[in-house]
Amino acid sequence: MPFHATVLYPNDEDATFDMDYYLKKHMPFVQESFGKHGLKRWEVLEYKPGLDGSKPQFSVAATLIFDTPEQLGAAMSSPEAGPVLDDVKNFSNKGPTFLGGSLVGTS
């Protein structure tokens, strides 16, 4: 089963996030940089208020899909990782939270 790395951006009162830059520049840069290390594809979610109107804890999540956790490790320890992480300042004033996990079921 694939390994998913999730990158979450906070929805703090003072947080800024440039979705246009993120989708048009950053994520293609991620694909170019990490594709050679096994990145298969990526997905981006933009969170909206809950059904009760409550503000979500995170504003945006990106899921990076690899075959194995070792591929993610190779991508994150590669020379390309530094420039990818340094690019965050071009679309957000807040640093992300990283999570990783293996897919254990799907329909």
PDB file of N, CA and C in Angstrom:
ATOM      1  N   MET A   1       0.842  -1.190   0.000  1.00  0.00           N
ATOM      2  CA  MET A   1       0.000   0.000   0.000  1.00  0.00           C
ATOM      3  C   MET A   1       0.885   1.251   0.000  1.00  0.00           C
ATOM      4  N   PRO A   2       0.451   2.306  -0.624  1.00  0.00           N
ATOM      5  CA  PRO A   2       1.245   3.537  -0.716  1.00  0.00           C
ATOM      6  C   PRO A   2       1.498   4.191   0.642  1.00  0.00           C
ATOM      7  N   PHE A   3       2.524   5.012   0.662  1.00  0.00           N
ATOM      8  CA  PHE A   3       2.847   5.811   1.844  1.00  0.00           C
ATOM      9  C   PHE A   3       2.474   7.260   1.554  1.00  0.00           C
ATOM     10  N   HIS A   4       1.725   7.863   2.467  1.00  0.00           N
ATOM     11  CA  HIS A   4       1.247   9.235   2.294  1.00  0.00           C
ATOM     12  C   HIS A   4       1.955  10.161   3.276  1.00  0.00           C
ATOM     13  N   ALA A   5       2.512  11.227   2.768  1.00  0.00           N
ATOM     14  CA  ALA A   5       3.058  12.298   3.608  1.00  0.00           C
ATOM     15  C   ALA A   5       2.074  13.457   3.524  1.00  0.00           C
ATOM     16  N   THR A   6       1.594  13.908   4.674  1.00  0.00           N
ATOM     17  CA  THR A   6       0.630  15.009   4.708  1.00  0.00           C
ATOM     18  C   THR A   6       1.318  16.244   5.266  1.00  0.00           C
ATOM     19  N   VAL A   7       1.152  17.351   4.574  1.00  0.00           N
ATOM     20  CA  VAL A   7       1.747  18.631   4.959  1.00  0.00           C
ATOM     21  C   VAL A   7       0.589  19.571   5.273  1.00  0.00           C
ATOM     22  N   LEU A   8       0.486  19.994   6.537  1.00  0.00           N
ATOM     23  CA  LEU A   8      -0.643  20.797   7.011  1.00  0.00           C
ATOM     24  C   LEU A   8      -0.204  22.222   7.316  1.00  0.00           C
ATOM     25  N   TYR A   9      -0.974  23.187   6.835  1.00  0.00           N
ATOM     26  CA  TYR A   9      -0.679  24.601   7.089  1.00  0.00           C
ATOM     27  C   TYR A   9      -1.703  25.158   8.062  1.00  0.00           C
ATOM     28  N   PRO A  10      -1.242  25.833   9.133  1.00  0.00           N
ATOM     29  CA  PRO A  10      -2.149  26.294  10.186  1.00  0.00           C
ATOM     30  C   PRO A  10      -3.104  27.382   9.717  1.00  0.00           C
ATOM     31  N   ASN A  11      -4.232  27.430  10.383  1.00  0.00           N
ATOM     32  CA  ASN A  11      -5.269  28.412  10.086  1.00  0.00           C
ATOM     33  C   ASN A  11      -5.312  29.455  11.203  1.00  0.00           C
ATOM     34  N   ASP A  12      -4.151  29.957  11.592  1.00  0.00           N
ATOM     35  CA  ASP A  12      -4.059  30.975  12.639  1.00  0.00           C
ATOM     36  C   ASP A  12      -4.643  32.295  12.144  1.00  0.00           C
ATOM     37  N   GLU A  13      -5.039  33.141  13.083  1.00  0.00           N
ATOM     38  CA  GLU A  13      -5.630  34.441  12.732  1.00  0.00           C
ATOM     39  C   GLU A  13      -4.717  35.261  11.820  1.00  0.00           C
ATOM     40  N   ASP A  14      -3.415  35.203  12.075  1.00  0.00           N
ATOM     41  CA  ASP A  14      -2.474  36.022  11.307  1.00  0.00           C
ATOM     42  C   ASP A  14      -1.816  35.260  10.145  1.00  0.00           C
ATOM     43  N   ALA A  15      -2.312  34.063   9.854  1.00  0.00           N
ATOM     44  CA  ALA A  15      -1.712  33.251   8.790  1.00  0.00           C
ATOM     45  C   ALA A  15      -2.091  33.782   7.410  1.00  0.00           C
ATOM     46  N   THR A  16      -1.112  33.758   6.517  1.00  0.00           N
ATOM     47  CA  THR A  16      -1.365  34.087   5.115  1.00  0.00           C
ATOM     48  C   THR A  16      -0.977  32.877   4.275  1.00  0.00           C
ATOM     49  N   PHE A  17      -1.679  32.697   3.157  1.00  0.00           N
ATOM     50  CA  PHE A  17      -1.404  31.566   2.269  1.00  0.00           C
ATOM     51  C   PHE A  17      -1.802  31.956   0.858  1.00  0.00           C
ATOM     52  N   ASP A  18      -0.861  31.865  -0.073  1.00  0.00           N
ATOM     53  CA  ASP A  18      -1.099  32.213  -1.473  1.00  0.00           C
ATOM     54  C   ASP A  18      -1.347  30.919  -2.261  1.00  0.00           C
ATOM     55  N   MET A  19      -2.620  30.556  -2.391  1.00  0.00           N
ATOM     56  CA  MET A  19      -2.983  29.301  -3.052  1.00  0.00           C
ATOM     57  C   MET A  19      -2.566  29.295  -4.521  1.00  0.00           C
ATOM     58  N   ASP A  20      -2.665  30.428  -5.185  1.00  0.00           N
ATOM     59  CA  ASP A  20      -2.285  30.504  -6.594  1.00  0.00           C
ATOM     60  C   ASP A  20      -0.811  30.133  -6.768  1.00  0.00           C
ATOM     61  N   TYR A  21       0.065  30.729  -5.960  1.00  0.00           N
ATOM     62  CA  TYR A  21       1.491  30.408  -6.020  1.00  0.00           C
ATOM     63  C   TYR A  21       1.711  28.933  -5.681  1.00  0.00           C
ATOM     64  N   TYR A  22       1.026  28.480  -4.653  1.00  0.00           N
ATOM     65  CA  TYR A  22       1.193  27.106  -4.179  1.00  0.00           C
ATOM     66  C   TYR A  22       0.895  26.096  -5.287  1.00  0.00           C
ATOM     67  N   LEU A  23      -0.232  26.284  -5.968  1.00  0.00           N
ATOM     68  CA  LEU A  23      -0.643  25.334  -6.999  1.00  0.00           C
ATOM     69  C   LEU A  23       0.133  25.483  -8.303  1.00  0.00           C
ATOM     70  N   LYS A  24       0.471  26.702  -8.664  1.00  0.00           N
ATOM     71  CA  LYS A  24       1.120  26.937  -9.959  1.00  0.00           C
ATOM     72  C   LYS A  24       2.640  26.834  -9.919  1.00  0.00           C
ATOM     73  N   LYS A  25       3.233  27.113  -8.766  1.00  0.00           N
ATOM     74  CA  LYS A  25       4.699  27.132  -8.685  1.00  0.00           C
ATOM     75  C   LYS A  25       5.246  26.084  -7.709  1.00  0.00           C
ATOM     76  N   HIS A  26       4.758  26.130  -6.439  1.00  0.00           N
ATOM     77  CA  HIS A  26       5.364  25.271  -5.420  1.00  0.00           C
ATOM     78  C   HIS A  26       5.131  23.783  -5.682  1.00  0.00           C
ATOM     79  N   MET A  27       3.885  23.388  -5.914  1.00  0.00           N
ATOM     80  CA  MET A  27       3.619  21.961  -6.074  1.00  0.00           C
ATOM     81  C   MET A  27       4.261  21.371  -7.337  1.00  0.00           C
ATOM     82  N   PRO A  28       4.297  22.084  -8.463  1.00  0.00           N
ATOM     83  CA  PRO A  28       5.086  21.558  -9.589  1.00  0.00           C
ATOM     84  C   PRO A  28       6.582  21.441  -9.248  1.00  0.00           C
ATOM     85  N   PHE A  29       7.094  22.373  -8.437  1.00  0.00           N
ATOM     86  CA  PHE A  29       8.484  22.317  -7.977  1.00  0.00           C
ATOM     87  C   PHE A  29       8.698  21.083  -7.100  1.00  0.00           C
ATOM     88  N   VAL A  30       7.735  20.795  -6.222  1.00  0.00           N
ATOM     89  CA  VAL A  30       7.802  19.588  -5.393  1.00  0.00           C
ATOM     90  C   VAL A  30       7.837  18.345  -6.286  1.00  0.00           C
ATOM     91  N   GLN A  31       6.954  18.288  -7.276  1.00  0.00           N
ATOM     92  CA  GLN A  31       6.909  17.121  -8.174  1.00  0.00           C
ATOM     93  C   GLN A  31       8.227  16.953  -8.923  1.00  0.00           C
ATOM     94  N   GLU A  32       8.754  18.052  -9.435  1.00  0.00           N
ATOM     95  CA  GLU A  32      10.028  17.997 -10.157  1.00  0.00           C
ATOM     96  C   GLU A  32      11.162  17.552  -9.236  1.00  0.00           C
ATOM     97  N   SER A  33      11.182  18.063  -8.019  1.00  0.00           N
ATOM     98  CA  SER A  33      12.270  17.783  -7.080  1.00  0.00           C
ATOM     99  C   SER A  33      12.194  16.384  -6.484  1.00  0.00           C
ATOM    100  N   PHE A  34      10.983  15.946  -6.135  1.00  0.00           N
ATOM    101  CA  PHE A  34      10.824  14.673  -5.426  1.00  0.00           C
ATOM    102  C   PHE A  34      10.397  13.518  -6.331  1.00  0.00           C
ATOM    103  N   GLY A  35       9.995  13.823  -7.572  1.00  0.00           N
ATOM    104  CA  GLY A  35       9.603  12.763  -8.500  1.00  0.00           C
ATOM    105  C   GLY A  35      10.722  11.764  -8.728  1.00  0.00           C
ATOM    106  N   LYS A  36      11.936  12.247  -8.795  1.00  0.00           N
ATOM    107  CA  LYS A  36      13.087  11.359  -9.012  1.00  0.00           C
ATOM    108  C   LYS A  36      13.370  10.469  -7.809  1.00  0.00           C
ATOM    109  N   HIS A  37      12.730  10.785  -6.662  1.00  0.00           N
ATOM    110  CA  HIS A  37      12.894   9.978  -5.449  1.00  0.00           C
ATOM    111  C   HIS A  37      11.665   9.120  -5.177  1.00  0.00           C
ATOM    112  N   GLY A  38      10.716   9.106  -6.116  1.00  0.00           N
ATOM    113  CA  GLY A  38       9.576   8.205  -5.987  1.00  0.00           C
ATOM    114  C   GLY A  38       8.226   8.860  -5.758  1.00  0.00           C
ATOM    115  N   LEU A  39       8.155  10.194  -5.731  1.00  0.00           N
ATOM    116  CA  LEU A  39       6.851  10.844  -5.579  1.00  0.00           C
ATOM    117  C   LEU A  39       5.987  10.478  -6.781  1.00  0.00           C
ATOM    118  N   LYS A  40       4.851   9.841  -6.514  1.00  0.00           N
ATOM    119  CA  LYS A  40       3.945   9.397  -7.583  1.00  0.00           C
ATOM    120  C   LYS A  40       2.981  10.502  -7.987  1.00  0.00           C
ATOM    121  N   ARG A  41       2.380  11.137  -6.986  1.00  0.00           N
ATOM    122  CA  ARG A  41       1.411  12.199  -7.245  1.00  0.00           C
ATOM    123  C   ARG A  41       1.187  12.971  -5.958  1.00  0.00           C
ATOM    124  N   TRP A  42       0.439  14.058  -6.080  1.00  0.00           N
ATOM    125  CA  TRP A  42       0.104  14.871  -4.917  1.00  0.00           C
ATOM    126  C   TRP A  42      -1.326  15.354  -5.039  1.00  0.00           C
ATOM    127  N   GLU A  43      -1.902  15.712  -3.887  1.00  0.00           N
ATOM    128  CA  GLU A  43      -3.258  16.256  -3.811  1.00  0.00           C
ATOM    129  C   GLU A  43      -3.236  17.419  -2.831  1.00  0.00           C
ATOM    130  N   VAL A  44      -4.067  18.421  -3.072  1.00  0.00           N
ATOM    131  CA  VAL A  44      -4.167  19.566  -2.165  1.00  0.00           C
ATOM    132  C   VAL A  44      -5.626  19.736  -1.758  1.00  0.00           C
ATOM    133  N   LEU A  45      -5.840  19.882  -0.459  1.00  0.00           N
ATOM    134  CA  LEU A  45      -7.166  20.158   0.102  1.00  0.00           C
ATOM    135  C   LEU A  45      -7.166  21.546   0.710  1.00  0.00           C
ATOM    136  N   GLU A  46      -8.239  22.289   0.502  1.00  0.00           N
ATOM    137  CA  GLU A  46      -8.436  23.573   1.175  1.00  0.00           C
ATOM    138  C   GLU A  46      -9.604  23.388   2.138  1.00  0.00           C
ATOM    139  N   TYR A  47      -9.329  23.542   3.430  1.00  0.00           N
ATOM    140  CA  TYR A  47     -10.351  23.314   4.445  1.00  0.00           C
ATOM    141  C   TYR A  47     -11.252  24.527   4.596  1.00  0.00           C
ATOM    142  N   LYS A  48     -12.521  24.257   4.812  1.00  0.00           N
ATOM    143  CA  LYS A  48     -13.552  25.281   5.012  1.00  0.00           C
ATOM    144  C   LYS A  48     -14.121  25.119   6.417  1.00  0.00           C
ATOM    145  N   PRO A  49     -14.900  26.094   6.902  1.00  0.00           N
ATOM    146  CA  PRO A  49     -15.519  25.946   8.223  1.00  0.00           C
ATOM    147  C   PRO A  49     -16.348  24.664   8.310  1.00  0.00           C
ATOM    148  N   GLY A  50     -16.420  24.118   9.529  1.00  0.00           N
ATOM    149  CA  GLY A  50     -17.193  22.903   9.760  1.00  0.00           C
ATOM    150  C   GLY A  50     -18.682  23.144   9.578  1.00  0.00           C
ATOM    151  N   LEU A  51     -19.459  22.090   9.641  1.00  0.00           N
ATOM    152  CA  LEU A  51     -20.908  22.203   9.493  1.00  0.00           C
ATOM    153  C   LEU A  51     -21.512  23.126  10.547  1.00  0.00           C
ATOM    154  N   ASP A  52     -20.859  23.196  11.701  1.00  0.00           N
ATOM    155  CA  ASP A  52     -21.333  24.084  12.772  1.00  0.00           C
ATOM    156  C   ASP A  52     -20.745  25.488  12.657  1.00  0.00           C
ATOM    157  N   GLY A  53     -20.001  25.754  11.586  1.00  0.00           N
ATOM    158  CA  GLY A  53     -19.404  27.068  11.372  1.00  0.00           C
ATOM    159  C   GLY A  53     -18.062  27.258  12.043  1.00  0.00           C
ATOM    160  N   SER A  54     -17.578  26.231  12.740  1.00  0.00           N
ATOM    161  CA  SER A  54     -16.303  26.360  13.451  1.00  0.00           C
ATOM    162  C   SER A  54     -15.135  26.434  12.471  1.00  0.00           C
ATOM    163  N   LYS A  55     -14.142  27.209  12.868  1.00  0.00           N
ATOM    164  CA  LYS A  55     -12.943  27.406  12.053  1.00  0.00           C
ATOM    165  C   LYS A  55     -12.068  26.156  12.125  1.00  0.00           C
ATOM    166  N   PRO A  56     -11.605  25.644  10.977  1.00  0.00           N
ATOM    167  CA  PRO A  56     -10.732  24.473  11.012  1.00  0.00           C
ATOM    168  C   PRO A  56      -9.351  24.832  11.568  1.00  0.00           C
ATOM    169  N   GLN A  57      -8.707  23.853  12.169  1.00  0.00           N
ATOM    170  CA  GLN A  57      -7.372  24.060  12.737  1.00  0.00           C
ATOM    171  C   GLN A  57      -6.338  24.337  11.645  1.00  0.00           C
ATOM    172  N   PHE A  58      -6.552  23.752  10.474  1.00  0.00           N
ATOM    173  CA  PHE A  58      -5.632  23.917   9.356  1.00  0.00           C
ATOM    174  C   PHE A  58      -6.383  24.506   8.172  1.00  0.00           C
ATOM    175  N   SER A  59      -5.683  25.281   7.353  1.00  0.00           N
ATOM    176  CA  SER A  59      -6.320  25.891   6.181  1.00  0.00           C
ATOM    177  C   SER A  59      -6.101  25.063   4.920  1.00  0.00           C
ATOM    178  N   VAL A  60      -4.943  24.422   4.825  1.00  0.00           N
ATOM    179  CA  VAL A  60      -4.567  23.685   3.613  1.00  0.00           C
ATOM    180  C   VAL A  60      -3.806  22.428   4.018  1.00  0.00           C
ATOM    181  N   ALA A  61      -4.025  21.365   3.253  1.00  0.00           N
ATOM    182  CA  ALA A  61      -3.247  20.136   3.413  1.00  0.00           C
ATOM    183  C   ALA A  61      -2.811  19.657   2.038  1.00  0.00           C
ATOM    184  N   ALA A  62      -1.569  19.262   1.948  1.00  0.00           N
ATOM    185  CA  ALA A  62      -1.075  18.604   0.743  1.00  0.00           C
ATOM    186  C   ALA A  62      -0.720  17.173   1.112  1.00  0.00           C
ATOM    187  N   THR A  63      -1.100  16.243   0.269  1.00  0.00           N
ATOM    188  CA  THR A  63      -0.729  14.847   0.460  1.00  0.00           C
ATOM    189  C   THR A  63       0.217  14.456  -0.666  1.00  0.00           C
ATOM    190  N   LEU A  64       1.391  13.986  -0.279  1.00  0.00           N
ATOM    191  CA  LEU A  64       2.404  13.516  -1.225  1.00  0.00           C
ATOM    192  C   LEU A  64       2.394  11.996  -1.167  1.00  0.00           C
ATOM    193  N   ILE A  65       2.243  11.344  -2.300  1.00  0.00           N
ATOM    194  CA  ILE A  65       2.060   9.900  -2.310  1.00  0.00           C
ATOM    195  C   ILE A  65       3.282   9.216  -2.923  1.00  0.00           C
ATOM    196  N   PHE A  66       3.894   8.371  -2.094  1.00  0.00           N
ATOM    197  CA  PHE A  66       5.056   7.568  -2.462  1.00  0.00           C
ATOM    198  C   PHE A  66       4.675   6.096  -2.336  1.00  0.00           C
ATOM    199  N   ASP A  67       5.491   5.209  -2.864  1.00  0.00           N
ATOM    200  CA  ASP A  67       5.260   3.775  -2.669  1.00  0.00           C
ATOM    201  C   ASP A  67       5.692   3.319  -1.284  1.00  0.00           C
ATOM    202  N   THR A  68       6.767   3.917  -0.761  1.00  0.00           N
ATOM    203  CA  THR A  68       7.324   3.463   0.518  1.00  0.00           C
ATOM    204  C   THR A  68       7.767   4.656   1.367  1.00  0.00           C
ATOM    205  N   PRO A  69       7.850   4.460   2.690  1.00  0.00           N
ATOM    206  CA  PRO A  69       8.390   5.525   3.534  1.00  0.00           C
ATOM    207  C   PRO A  69       9.857   5.817   3.224  1.00  0.00           C
ATOM    208  N   GLU A  70      10.568   4.823   2.732  1.00  0.00           N
ATOM    209  CA  GLU A  70      11.973   5.028   2.380  1.00  0.00           C
ATOM    210  C   GLU A  70      12.121   6.026   1.233  1.00  0.00           C
ATOM    211  N   GLN A  71      11.174   6.007   0.308  1.00  0.00           N
ATOM    212  CA  GLN A  71      11.212   6.984  -0.782  1.00  0.00           C
ATOM    213  C   GLN A  71      11.016   8.398  -0.248  1.00  0.00           C
ATOM    214  N   LEU A  72      10.089   8.568   0.682  1.00  0.00           N
ATOM    215  CA  LEU A  72       9.921   9.886   1.312  1.00  0.00           C
ATOM    216  C   LEU A  72      11.207  10.281   2.020  1.00  0.00           C
ATOM    217  N   GLY A  73      11.801   9.352   2.756  1.00  0.00           N
ATOM    218  CA  GLY A  73      13.057   9.635   3.443  1.00  0.00           C
ATOM    219  C   GLY A  73      14.149  10.066   2.484  1.00  0.00           C
ATOM    220  N   ALA A  74      14.225   9.394   1.337  1.00  0.00           N
ATOM    221  CA  ALA A  74      15.223   9.761   0.327  1.00  0.00           C
ATOM    222  C   ALA A  74      14.956  11.163  -0.206  1.00  0.00           C
ATOM    223  N   ALA A  75      13.690  11.484  -0.443  1.00  0.00           N
ATOM    224  CA  ALA A  75      13.345  12.825  -0.938  1.00  0.00           C
ATOM    225  C   ALA A  75      13.703  13.891   0.088  1.00  0.00           C
ATOM    226  N   MET A  76      13.357  13.643   1.350  1.00  0.00           N
ATOM    227  CA  MET A  76      13.576  14.652   2.387  1.00  0.00           C
ATOM    228  C   MET A  76      15.045  14.792   2.773  1.00  0.00           C
ATOM    229  N   SER A  77      15.862  13.794   2.483  1.00  0.00           N
ATOM    230  CA  SER A  77      17.295  13.905   2.783  1.00  0.00           C
ATOM    231  C   SER A  77      18.110  14.266   1.543  1.00  0.00           C
ATOM    232  N   SER A  78      17.435  14.491   0.436  1.00  0.00           N
ATOM    233  CA  SER A  78      18.125  14.828  -0.811  1.00  0.00           C
ATOM    234  C   SER A  78      18.520  16.301  -0.839  1.00  0.00           C
ATOM    235  N   PRO A  79      19.435  16.670  -1.717  1.00  0.00           N
ATOM    236  CA  PRO A  79      19.796  18.084  -1.870  1.00  0.00           C
ATOM    237  C   PRO A  79      18.609  18.950  -2.306  1.00  0.00           C
ATOM    238  N   GLU A  80      17.616  18.341  -2.947  1.00  0.00           N
ATOM    239  CA  GLU A  80      16.448  19.099  -3.412  1.00  0.00           C
ATOM    240  C   GLU A  80      15.532  19.531  -2.274  1.00  0.00           C
ATOM    241  N   ALA A  81      15.589  18.859  -1.137  1.00  0.00           N
ATOM    242  CA  ALA A  81      14.669  19.155  -0.034  1.00  0.00           C
ATOM    243  C   ALA A  81      14.859  20.569   0.508  1.00  0.00           C
ATOM    244  N   GLY A  82      16.090  21.028   0.619  1.00  0.00           N
ATOM    245  CA  GLY A  82      16.353  22.366   1.152  1.00  0.00           C
ATOM    246  C   GLY A  82      15.639  23.458   0.374  1.00  0.00           C
ATOM    247  N   PRO A  83      15.819  23.521  -0.944  1.00  0.00           N
ATOM    248  CA  PRO A  83      15.113  24.537  -1.721  1.00  0.00           C
ATOM    249  C   PRO A  83      13.588  24.399  -1.667  1.00  0.00           C
ATOM    250  N   VAL A  84      13.079  23.161  -1.618  1.00  0.00           N
ATOM    251  CA  VAL A  84      11.625  22.970  -1.515  1.00  0.00           C
ATOM    252  C   VAL A  84      11.118  23.570  -0.211  1.00  0.00           C
ATOM    253  N   LEU A  85      11.776  23.255   0.896  1.00  0.00           N
ATOM    254  CA  LEU A  85      11.351  23.785   2.194  1.00  0.00           C
ATOM    255  C   LEU A  85      11.562  25.292   2.278  1.00  0.00           C
ATOM    256  N   ASP A  86      12.615  25.788   1.670  1.00  0.00           N
ATOM    257  CA  ASP A  86      12.882  27.228   1.680  1.00  0.00           C
ATOM    258  C   ASP A  86      11.825  28.004   0.894  1.00  0.00           C
ATOM    259  N   ASP A  87      11.161  27.357  -0.034  1.00  0.00           N
ATOM    260  CA  ASP A  87      10.138  28.014  -0.855  1.00  0.00           C
ATOM    261  C   ASP A  87       8.870  28.331  -0.068  1.00  0.00           C
ATOM    262  N   VAL A  88       8.687  27.720   1.096  1.00  0.00           N
ATOM    263  CA  VAL A  88       7.476  27.960   1.904  1.00  0.00           C
ATOM    264  C   VAL A  88       7.267  29.449   2.140  1.00  0.00           C
ATOM    265  N   LYS A  89       8.333  30.182   2.375  1.00  0.00           N
ATOM    266  CA  LYS A  89       8.212  31.618   2.668  1.00  0.00           C
ATOM    267  C   LYS A  89       7.593  32.406   1.514  1.00  0.00           C
ATOM    268  N   ASN A  90       7.562  31.823   0.321  1.00  0.00           N
ATOM    269  CA  ASN A  90       6.986  32.504  -0.840  1.00  0.00           C
ATOM    270  C   ASN A  90       5.467  32.391  -0.925  1.00  0.00           C
ATOM    271  N   PHE A  91       4.864  31.520  -0.106  1.00  0.00           N
ATOM    272  CA  PHE A  91       3.405  31.389  -0.144  1.00  0.00           C
ATOM    273  C   PHE A  91       2.744  31.369   1.228  1.00  0.00           C
ATOM    274  N   SER A  92       3.518  31.246   2.304  1.00  0.00           N
ATOM    275  CA  SER A  92       2.922  31.207   3.643  1.00  0.00           C
ATOM    276  C   SER A  92       3.848  31.865   4.655  1.00  0.00           C
ATOM    277  N   ASN A  93       3.242  32.523   5.634  1.00  0.00           N
ATOM    278  CA  ASN A  93       4.038  33.098   6.714  1.00  0.00           C
ATOM    279  C   ASN A  93       4.095  32.169   7.923  1.00  0.00           C
ATOM    280  N   LYS A  94       3.593  30.962   7.784  1.00  0.00           N
ATOM    281  CA  LYS A  94       3.601  29.957   8.851  1.00  0.00           C
ATOM    282  C   LYS A  94       4.218  28.670   8.328  1.00  0.00           C
ATOM    283  N   GLY A  95       4.978  28.021   9.174  1.00  0.00           N
ATOM    284  CA  GLY A  95       5.563  26.741   8.797  1.00  0.00           C
ATOM    285  C   GLY A  95       4.549  25.617   8.905  1.00  0.00           C
ATOM    286  N   PRO A  96       4.731  24.558   8.120  1.00  0.00           N
ATOM    287  CA  PRO A  96       3.784  23.448   8.128  1.00  0.00           C
ATOM    288  C   PRO A  96       4.079  22.415   9.210  1.00  0.00           C
ATOM    289  N   THR A  97       3.090  21.564   9.431  1.00  0.00           N
ATOM    290  CA  THR A  97       3.212  20.364  10.250  1.00  0.00           C
ATOM    291  C   THR A  97       3.253  19.181   9.292  1.00  0.00           C
ATOM    292  N   PHE A  98       4.147  18.232   9.542  1.00  0.00           N
ATOM    293  CA  PHE A  98       4.304  17.071   8.671  1.00  0.00           C
ATOM    294  C   PHE A  98       3.817  15.811   9.381  1.00  0.00           C
ATOM    295  N   LEU A  99       3.044  14.997   8.673  1.00  0.00           N
ATOM    296  CA  LEU A  99       2.593  13.695   9.159  1.00  0.00           C
ATOM    297  C   LEU A  99       2.864  12.666   8.073  1.00  0.00           C
ATOM    298  N   GLY A 100       3.051  11.432   8.463  1.00  0.00           N
ATOM    299  CA  GLY A 100       3.235  10.380   7.476  1.00  0.00           C
ATOM    300  C   GLY A 100       2.521   9.119   7.908  1.00  0.00           C
ATOM    301  N   GLY A 101       2.014   8.375   6.939  1.00  0.00           N
ATOM    302  CA  GLY A 101       1.346   7.131   7.264  1.00  0.00           C
ATOM    303  C   GLY A 101       1.104   6.279   6.037  1.00  0.00           C
ATOM    304  N   SER A 102       0.901   4.999   6.295  1.00  0.00           N
ATOM    305  CA  SER A 102       0.634   4.048   5.224  1.00  0.00           C
ATOM    306  C   SER A 102      -0.864   3.886   5.026  1.00  0.00           C
ATOM    307  N   LEU A 103      -1.277   3.812   3.794  1.00  0.00           N
ATOM    308  CA  LEU A 103      -2.673   3.553   3.464  1.00  0.00           C
ATOM    309  C   LEU A 103      -2.994   2.129   3.896  1.00  0.00           C
ATOM    310  N   VAL A 104      -4.047   1.957   4.697  1.00  0.00           N
ATOM    311  CA  VAL A 104      -4.414   0.630   5.183  1.00  0.00           C
ATOM    312  C   VAL A 104      -5.768   0.165   4.653  1.00  0.00           C
ATOM    313  N   GLY A 105      -6.453   1.025   3.917  1.00  0.00           N
ATOM    314  CA  GLY A 105      -7.729   0.637   3.329  1.00  0.00           C
ATOM    315  C   GLY A 105      -8.211   1.686   2.357  1.00  0.00           C
ATOM    316  N   THR A 106      -9.036   1.276   1.421  1.00  0.00           N
ATOM    317  CA  THR A 106      -9.611   2.186   0.437  1.00  0.00           C
ATOM    318  C   THR A 106     -10.809   1.495  -0.208  1.00  0.00           C
ATOM    319  N   SER A 107     -11.641   2.266  -0.890  1.00  0.00           N
ATOM    320  CA  SER A 107     -12.793   1.648  -1.572  1.00  0.00           C
ATOM    321  C   SER A 107     -12.491   1.454  -3.040  1.00  0.00           C
TER     322      SER A 107
END
